[in-house]
């Protein structure tokens, strides 16, 4: 008996790449347009609700940094679940030569609308030398 895969490897869709770019540049557009006032984001222990609050969260943590997010692997699963593994390269703007690389994971749960909207986003990041970037 062959097991049924629970997630399928895929190329990341444009909206995911847009979200990564928008987090890096803090210029929010079509990627974050997939979020709503009801979207819930769990980032480590933080729980943030609503697209505007999520944008403000990213501005708070990323504005002091030069940062780029790279998607390394991407999977889709049943019931609107999308999973990505990536790596962020970052440095404080005040210390641009002290570059740190950190792994991260995003799990998106989408609704059934067309185009799909993000219901929840779970993010884990690290480990990293937080004293280097915070």
N, C-alpha and C. Protein backbone atom coordinates (compact mmCIF):
# COMPACT_ATOMS: atom_id res chain seq x y z
N UNK A 1 0.84 -1.17 0.00
CA UNK A 1 0.00 0.00 0.00
C UNK A 1 0.90 1.24 0.00
N UNK A 2 0.66 2.15 -0.91
CA UNK A 2 1.43 3.39 -1.02
C UNK A 2 0.75 4.46 -0.18
N UNK A 3 1.52 5.09 0.73
CA UNK A 3 0.90 6.15 1.54
C UNK A 3 0.53 7.35 0.68
N UNK A 4 -0.53 8.02 1.05
CA UNK A 4 -0.98 9.22 0.37
C UNK A 4 -0.21 10.41 0.94
N UNK A 5 0.42 11.21 0.09
CA UNK A 5 1.15 12.37 0.62
C UNK A 5 0.20 13.36 1.27
N UNK A 6 0.64 13.95 2.37
CA UNK A 6 -0.20 14.93 3.05
C UNK A 6 0.13 16.35 2.61
N UNK A 7 1.28 16.54 2.01
CA UNK A 7 1.65 17.84 1.45
C UNK A 7 2.42 17.59 0.17
N UNK A 8 2.28 18.51 -0.77
CA UNK A 8 2.92 18.37 -2.07
C UNK A 8 3.86 19.55 -2.28
N UNK A 9 5.07 19.23 -2.67
CA UNK A 9 6.05 20.28 -2.99
C UNK A 9 5.58 21.05 -4.21
N UNK A 10 5.78 22.36 -4.17
CA UNK A 10 5.34 23.20 -5.28
C UNK A 10 6.20 24.45 -5.34
N UNK A 11 6.14 25.14 -6.46
CA UNK A 11 6.77 26.46 -6.56
C UNK A 11 5.90 27.43 -5.76
N UNK A 12 6.51 28.34 -5.02
CA UNK A 12 5.69 29.29 -4.26
C UNK A 12 4.89 30.18 -5.20
N UNK A 13 3.61 30.40 -4.87
CA UNK A 13 2.80 31.27 -5.72
C UNK A 13 3.25 32.72 -5.60
N UNK A 14 2.85 33.51 -6.57
CA UNK A 14 3.24 34.92 -6.61
C UNK A 14 2.88 35.65 -5.32
N UNK A 15 1.69 35.37 -4.77
CA UNK A 15 1.27 36.10 -3.57
C UNK A 15 2.21 35.85 -2.39
N UNK A 16 2.78 34.65 -2.28
CA UNK A 16 3.73 34.36 -1.20
C UNK A 16 5.01 35.16 -1.42
N UNK A 17 5.52 35.17 -2.64
CA UNK A 17 6.73 35.94 -2.93
C UNK A 17 6.49 37.43 -2.71
N UNK A 18 5.27 37.89 -3.02
CA UNK A 18 4.93 39.29 -2.76
C UNK A 18 4.97 39.59 -1.27
N UNK A 19 4.41 38.70 -0.46
CA UNK A 19 4.43 38.91 0.99
C UNK A 19 5.87 38.99 1.49
N UNK A 20 6.74 38.11 1.03
CA UNK A 20 8.14 38.15 1.46
C UNK A 20 8.77 39.50 1.09
N UNK A 21 8.53 39.94 -0.15
CA UNK A 21 9.09 41.22 -0.61
C UNK A 21 8.52 42.39 0.21
N UNK A 22 7.24 42.34 0.49
CA UNK A 22 6.61 43.42 1.25
C UNK A 22 7.11 43.47 2.69
N UNK A 23 7.41 42.32 3.28
CA UNK A 23 8.01 42.30 4.62
C UNK A 23 9.41 42.92 4.55
N UNK A 24 10.15 42.60 3.52
CA UNK A 24 11.51 43.14 3.38
C UNK A 24 11.52 44.65 3.17
N UNK A 25 10.60 45.14 2.36
CA UNK A 25 10.61 46.56 1.98
C UNK A 25 9.68 47.41 2.84
N UNK A 26 8.78 46.76 3.55
CA UNK A 26 7.73 47.44 4.32
C UNK A 26 6.85 48.32 3.43
N UNK A 27 6.83 48.00 2.14
CA UNK A 27 5.93 48.64 1.17
C UNK A 27 4.82 47.63 0.88
N UNK A 28 3.73 47.73 1.62
CA UNK A 28 2.67 46.73 1.58
C UNK A 28 1.77 46.95 0.37
N UNK A 29 1.41 45.82 -0.28
CA UNK A 29 0.60 45.90 -1.49
C UNK A 29 -0.21 44.64 -1.69
N UNK A 30 -0.07 44.05 -2.87
CA UNK A 30 -0.91 42.92 -3.26
C UNK A 30 -0.72 41.67 -2.40
N UNK A 31 0.47 41.45 -1.87
CA UNK A 31 0.68 40.30 -0.99
C UNK A 31 -0.15 40.42 0.28
N UNK A 32 -0.02 41.55 0.96
CA UNK A 32 -0.77 41.77 2.20
C UNK A 32 -2.25 41.97 1.94
N UNK A 33 -2.63 42.24 0.68
CA UNK A 33 -4.05 42.35 0.35
C UNK A 33 -4.76 41.01 0.51
N UNK A 34 -4.01 39.92 0.63
CA UNK A 34 -4.60 38.60 0.90
C UNK A 34 -5.06 38.47 2.34
N UNK A 35 -4.67 39.41 3.19
CA UNK A 35 -5.08 39.40 4.60
C UNK A 35 -6.32 40.26 4.77
N UNK A 36 -7.05 40.01 5.86
CA UNK A 36 -8.27 40.75 6.14
C UNK A 36 -8.21 41.31 7.56
N UNK A 37 -9.26 42.00 7.95
CA UNK A 37 -9.35 42.49 9.32
C UNK A 37 -9.49 41.35 10.32
N UNK A 38 -9.83 40.15 9.84
CA UNK A 38 -9.97 38.98 10.72
C UNK A 38 -8.75 38.06 10.68
N UNK A 39 -7.78 38.31 9.80
CA UNK A 39 -6.60 37.46 9.72
C UNK A 39 -5.88 37.46 11.06
N UNK A 40 -5.53 36.26 11.52
CA UNK A 40 -4.79 36.11 12.77
C UNK A 40 -3.37 35.67 12.45
N UNK A 41 -2.38 36.34 13.03
CA UNK A 41 -0.98 35.96 12.88
C UNK A 41 -0.43 35.58 14.25
N UNK A 42 0.23 34.44 14.27
CA UNK A 42 0.95 33.98 15.46
C UNK A 42 2.42 33.99 15.09
N UNK A 43 3.18 34.87 15.73
CA UNK A 43 4.62 35.01 15.46
C UNK A 43 5.31 34.71 16.77
N UNK A 44 5.85 33.48 16.90
CA UNK A 44 6.38 33.08 18.20
C UNK A 44 5.24 33.13 19.21
N UNK A 45 5.41 33.91 20.28
CA UNK A 45 4.36 34.03 21.30
C UNK A 45 3.40 35.18 21.02
N UNK A 46 3.67 36.01 20.02
CA UNK A 46 2.79 37.14 19.71
C UNK A 46 1.57 36.66 18.93
N UNK A 47 0.41 37.21 19.26
CA UNK A 47 -0.83 36.94 18.54
C UNK A 47 -1.35 38.30 18.07
N UNK A 48 -1.41 38.50 16.77
CA UNK A 48 -1.79 39.78 16.18
C UNK A 48 -2.99 39.55 15.27
N UNK A 49 -4.01 40.40 15.38
CA UNK A 49 -5.24 40.23 14.61
C UNK A 49 -5.46 41.44 13.71
N UNK A 50 -5.71 41.18 12.44
CA UNK A 50 -6.06 42.22 11.48
C UNK A 50 -4.87 42.67 10.66
N UNK A 51 -5.12 42.93 9.39
CA UNK A 51 -4.05 43.26 8.45
C UNK A 51 -3.28 44.50 8.88
N UNK A 52 -3.97 45.53 9.36
CA UNK A 52 -3.25 46.76 9.75
C UNK A 52 -2.35 46.51 10.96
N UNK A 53 -2.82 45.74 11.92
CA UNK A 53 -2.01 45.41 13.09
C UNK A 53 -0.82 44.53 12.70
N UNK A 54 -1.03 43.64 11.74
CA UNK A 54 0.07 42.77 11.27
C UNK A 54 1.12 43.61 10.56
N UNK A 55 0.69 44.55 9.72
CA UNK A 55 1.64 45.46 9.08
C UNK A 55 2.44 46.22 10.13
N UNK A 56 1.76 46.77 11.13
CA UNK A 56 2.44 47.54 12.19
C UNK A 56 3.44 46.67 12.94
N UNK A 57 3.10 45.41 13.15
CA UNK A 57 4.01 44.47 13.81
C UNK A 57 5.29 44.33 13.00
N UNK A 58 5.16 44.12 11.69
CA UNK A 58 6.36 43.96 10.86
C UNK A 58 7.16 45.25 10.78
N UNK A 59 6.51 46.39 10.74
CA UNK A 59 7.24 47.66 10.75
C UNK A 59 8.06 47.76 12.03
N UNK A 60 7.45 47.42 13.15
CA UNK A 60 8.15 47.52 14.45
C UNK A 60 9.39 46.63 14.50
N UNK A 61 9.27 45.39 14.03
CA UNK A 61 10.43 44.48 14.16
C UNK A 61 11.43 44.60 13.02
N UNK A 62 10.97 45.02 11.82
CA UNK A 62 11.87 45.01 10.67
C UNK A 62 12.42 46.38 10.26
N UNK A 63 11.79 47.46 10.68
CA UNK A 63 12.24 48.79 10.26
C UNK A 63 13.70 49.06 10.67
N UNK A 64 14.15 48.60 11.84
CA UNK A 64 15.56 48.85 12.20
C UNK A 64 16.57 47.97 11.45
N UNK A 65 16.08 47.10 10.55
CA UNK A 65 16.94 46.11 9.92
C UNK A 65 17.03 46.28 8.41
N UNK A 66 18.15 45.83 7.86
CA UNK A 66 18.23 45.46 6.44
C UNK A 66 17.88 43.98 6.45
N UNK A 67 16.87 43.57 5.71
CA UNK A 67 16.43 42.18 5.79
C UNK A 67 15.94 41.69 4.44
N UNK A 68 16.24 40.44 4.14
CA UNK A 68 15.69 39.78 2.96
C UNK A 68 15.25 38.37 3.36
N UNK A 69 14.10 37.97 2.86
CA UNK A 69 13.55 36.65 3.11
C UNK A 69 13.62 35.84 1.83
N UNK A 70 14.15 34.65 1.93
CA UNK A 70 14.26 33.75 0.77
C UNK A 70 13.45 32.50 1.05
N UNK A 71 12.56 32.14 0.15
CA UNK A 71 11.80 30.90 0.26
C UNK A 71 12.69 29.77 -0.24
N UNK A 72 12.91 28.77 0.60
CA UNK A 72 13.76 27.63 0.25
C UNK A 72 12.92 26.45 -0.22
N UNK A 73 11.82 26.19 0.48
CA UNK A 73 10.92 25.09 0.12
C UNK A 73 9.49 25.55 0.34
N UNK A 74 8.58 24.98 -0.45
CA UNK A 74 7.18 25.36 -0.36
C UNK A 74 6.32 24.13 -0.62
N UNK A 75 5.25 23.97 0.20
CA UNK A 75 4.34 22.84 0.04
C UNK A 75 2.90 23.32 0.15
N UNK A 76 2.01 22.59 -0.50
CA UNK A 76 0.57 22.80 -0.34
C UNK A 76 -0.03 21.53 0.24
N UNK A 77 -1.10 21.70 0.98
CA UNK A 77 -1.79 20.56 1.59
C UNK A 77 -3.29 20.80 1.50
N UNK A 78 -4.04 19.83 1.95
CA UNK A 78 -5.50 19.91 1.90
C UNK A 78 -6.01 21.04 2.78
N UNK A 79 -7.23 21.44 2.51
CA UNK A 79 -7.97 22.43 3.30
C UNK A 79 -7.29 23.80 3.35
N UNK A 80 -6.63 24.17 2.25
CA UNK A 80 -6.06 25.51 2.14
C UNK A 80 -4.82 25.76 2.96
N UNK A 81 -4.07 24.71 3.27
CA UNK A 81 -2.84 24.87 4.06
C UNK A 81 -1.65 25.00 3.12
N UNK A 82 -0.84 26.02 3.37
CA UNK A 82 0.39 26.27 2.60
C UNK A 82 1.53 26.43 3.60
N UNK A 83 2.63 25.76 3.33
CA UNK A 83 3.77 25.73 4.26
C UNK A 83 5.02 26.16 3.51
N UNK A 84 5.80 27.04 4.12
CA UNK A 84 7.07 27.37 3.51
C UNK A 84 8.18 27.36 4.54
N UNK A 85 9.34 27.01 4.05
CA UNK A 85 10.57 27.08 4.85
C UNK A 85 11.47 28.06 4.13
N UNK A 86 12.07 28.94 4.90
CA UNK A 86 12.92 29.93 4.28
C UNK A 86 14.08 30.33 5.17
N UNK A 87 14.81 31.32 4.69
CA UNK A 87 15.94 31.84 5.44
C UNK A 87 15.95 33.36 5.29
N UNK A 88 16.09 34.04 6.42
CA UNK A 88 16.17 35.49 6.42
C UNK A 88 17.62 35.90 6.65
N UNK A 89 18.06 36.87 5.88
CA UNK A 89 19.38 37.47 6.06
C UNK A 89 19.14 38.88 6.56
N UNK A 90 19.75 39.22 7.70
CA UNK A 90 19.45 40.51 8.30
C UNK A 90 20.66 41.10 9.01
N UNK A 91 20.61 42.41 9.14
CA UNK A 91 21.62 43.16 9.89
C UNK A 91 20.96 44.44 10.38
N UNK A 92 21.38 44.91 11.54
CA UNK A 92 20.90 46.20 12.02
C UNK A 92 21.35 47.27 11.04
N UNK A 93 20.51 48.26 10.82
CA UNK A 93 20.90 49.38 9.96
C UNK A 93 22.07 50.14 10.58
N UNK A 94 22.20 50.07 11.90
CA UNK A 94 23.30 50.74 12.59
C UNK A 94 24.58 49.92 12.58
N UNK A 95 24.50 48.65 12.19
CA UNK A 95 25.67 47.77 12.13
C UNK A 95 25.54 46.84 10.92
N UNK A 96 25.57 47.40 9.70
CA UNK A 96 25.26 46.61 8.51
C UNK A 96 26.24 45.49 8.21
N UNK A 97 27.42 45.49 8.81
CA UNK A 97 28.39 44.43 8.54
C UNK A 97 28.18 43.21 9.43
N UNK A 98 27.35 43.31 10.45
CA UNK A 98 27.08 42.18 11.35
C UNK A 98 25.85 41.43 10.83
N UNK A 99 26.06 40.62 9.80
CA UNK A 99 24.97 39.92 9.12
C UNK A 99 24.66 38.62 9.84
N UNK A 100 23.37 38.37 10.00
CA UNK A 100 22.88 37.15 10.65
C UNK A 100 21.91 36.47 9.70
N UNK A 101 21.98 35.13 9.63
CA UNK A 101 21.03 34.36 8.83
C UNK A 101 20.22 33.51 9.80
N UNK A 102 18.91 33.49 9.59
CA UNK A 102 18.03 32.74 10.48
C UNK A 102 16.98 31.97 9.67
N UNK A 103 16.74 30.72 10.04
CA UNK A 103 15.68 29.96 9.37
C UNK A 103 14.31 30.45 9.85
N UNK A 104 13.30 30.27 9.01
CA UNK A 104 11.93 30.56 9.42
C UNK A 104 10.97 29.62 8.72
N UNK A 105 9.80 29.48 9.30
CA UNK A 105 8.71 28.70 8.71
C UNK A 105 7.45 29.55 8.76
N UNK A 106 6.65 29.48 7.71
CA UNK A 106 5.32 30.09 7.67
C UNK A 106 4.32 28.99 7.37
N UNK A 107 3.23 29.00 8.08
CA UNK A 107 2.09 28.13 7.76
C UNK A 107 0.89 29.04 7.54
N UNK A 108 0.38 29.01 6.33
CA UNK A 108 -0.80 29.80 5.96
C UNK A 108 -2.01 28.88 5.92
N UNK A 109 -3.12 29.36 6.46
CA UNK A 109 -4.41 28.69 6.30
C UNK A 109 -5.31 29.67 5.54
N UNK A 110 -5.76 29.24 4.37
CA UNK A 110 -6.55 30.11 3.49
C UNK A 110 -8.03 29.77 3.59
N UNK A 111 -8.87 30.75 3.28
CA UNK A 111 -10.30 30.49 3.20
C UNK A 111 -10.61 29.92 1.82
N UNK A 112 -11.85 29.68 1.54
CA UNK A 112 -12.23 29.10 0.25
C UNK A 112 -12.61 30.13 -0.80
N UNK A 113 -12.40 31.40 -0.53
CA UNK A 113 -12.78 32.46 -1.48
C UNK A 113 -11.86 32.44 -2.70
N UNK A 114 -12.26 33.20 -3.71
CA UNK A 114 -11.42 33.35 -4.90
C UNK A 114 -11.29 34.83 -5.21
N UNK A 115 -10.15 35.45 -5.10
CA UNK A 115 -8.91 34.81 -4.66
C UNK A 115 -8.95 34.50 -3.16
N UNK A 116 -8.20 33.50 -2.79
CA UNK A 116 -8.18 33.05 -1.40
C UNK A 116 -7.60 34.13 -0.50
N UNK A 117 -8.15 34.23 0.69
CA UNK A 117 -7.66 35.16 1.71
C UNK A 117 -7.01 34.35 2.83
N UNK A 118 -6.06 34.97 3.52
CA UNK A 118 -5.34 34.30 4.60
C UNK A 118 -6.17 34.40 5.87
N UNK A 119 -6.59 33.24 6.40
CA UNK A 119 -7.30 33.21 7.69
C UNK A 119 -6.32 33.30 8.84
N UNK A 120 -5.28 32.43 8.78
CA UNK A 120 -4.27 32.45 9.84
C UNK A 120 -2.89 32.30 9.23
N UNK A 121 -1.92 32.87 9.94
CA UNK A 121 -0.52 32.77 9.56
C UNK A 121 0.26 32.47 10.83
N UNK A 122 0.95 31.35 10.82
CA UNK A 122 1.81 30.95 11.94
C UNK A 122 3.26 31.09 11.48
N UNK A 123 4.07 31.79 12.27
CA UNK A 123 5.47 32.01 11.91
C UNK A 123 6.36 31.59 13.07
N UNK A 124 7.38 30.80 12.74
CA UNK A 124 8.45 30.54 13.68
C UNK A 124 9.73 31.04 13.03
N UNK A 125 10.61 31.58 13.83
CA UNK A 125 11.88 32.11 13.32
C UNK A 125 12.98 31.76 14.29
N UNK A 126 14.16 31.48 13.75
CA UNK A 126 15.32 31.23 14.59
C UNK A 126 15.70 29.78 14.56
N UNK A 127 16.68 29.40 15.31
CA UNK A 127 17.36 30.24 16.31
C UNK A 127 18.28 31.26 15.64
N UNK A 128 18.49 32.34 16.35
CA UNK A 128 19.42 33.33 15.87
C UNK A 128 20.03 34.04 17.06
N UNK A 129 21.13 34.70 16.81
CA UNK A 129 21.78 35.50 17.84
C UNK A 129 21.01 36.81 17.93
N UNK A 130 20.03 36.86 18.79
CA UNK A 130 19.17 38.03 18.84
C UNK A 130 19.94 39.30 19.21
N UNK A 131 21.03 39.18 19.96
CA UNK A 131 21.78 40.38 20.31
C UNK A 131 22.40 41.03 19.08
N UNK A 132 22.52 40.31 17.99
CA UNK A 132 23.09 40.85 16.76
C UNK A 132 22.12 41.71 15.98
N UNK A 133 20.83 41.48 16.17
CA UNK A 133 19.86 42.22 15.37
C UNK A 133 18.82 42.98 16.17
N UNK A 134 18.71 42.72 17.44
CA UNK A 134 17.68 43.40 18.24
C UNK A 134 18.33 44.35 19.23
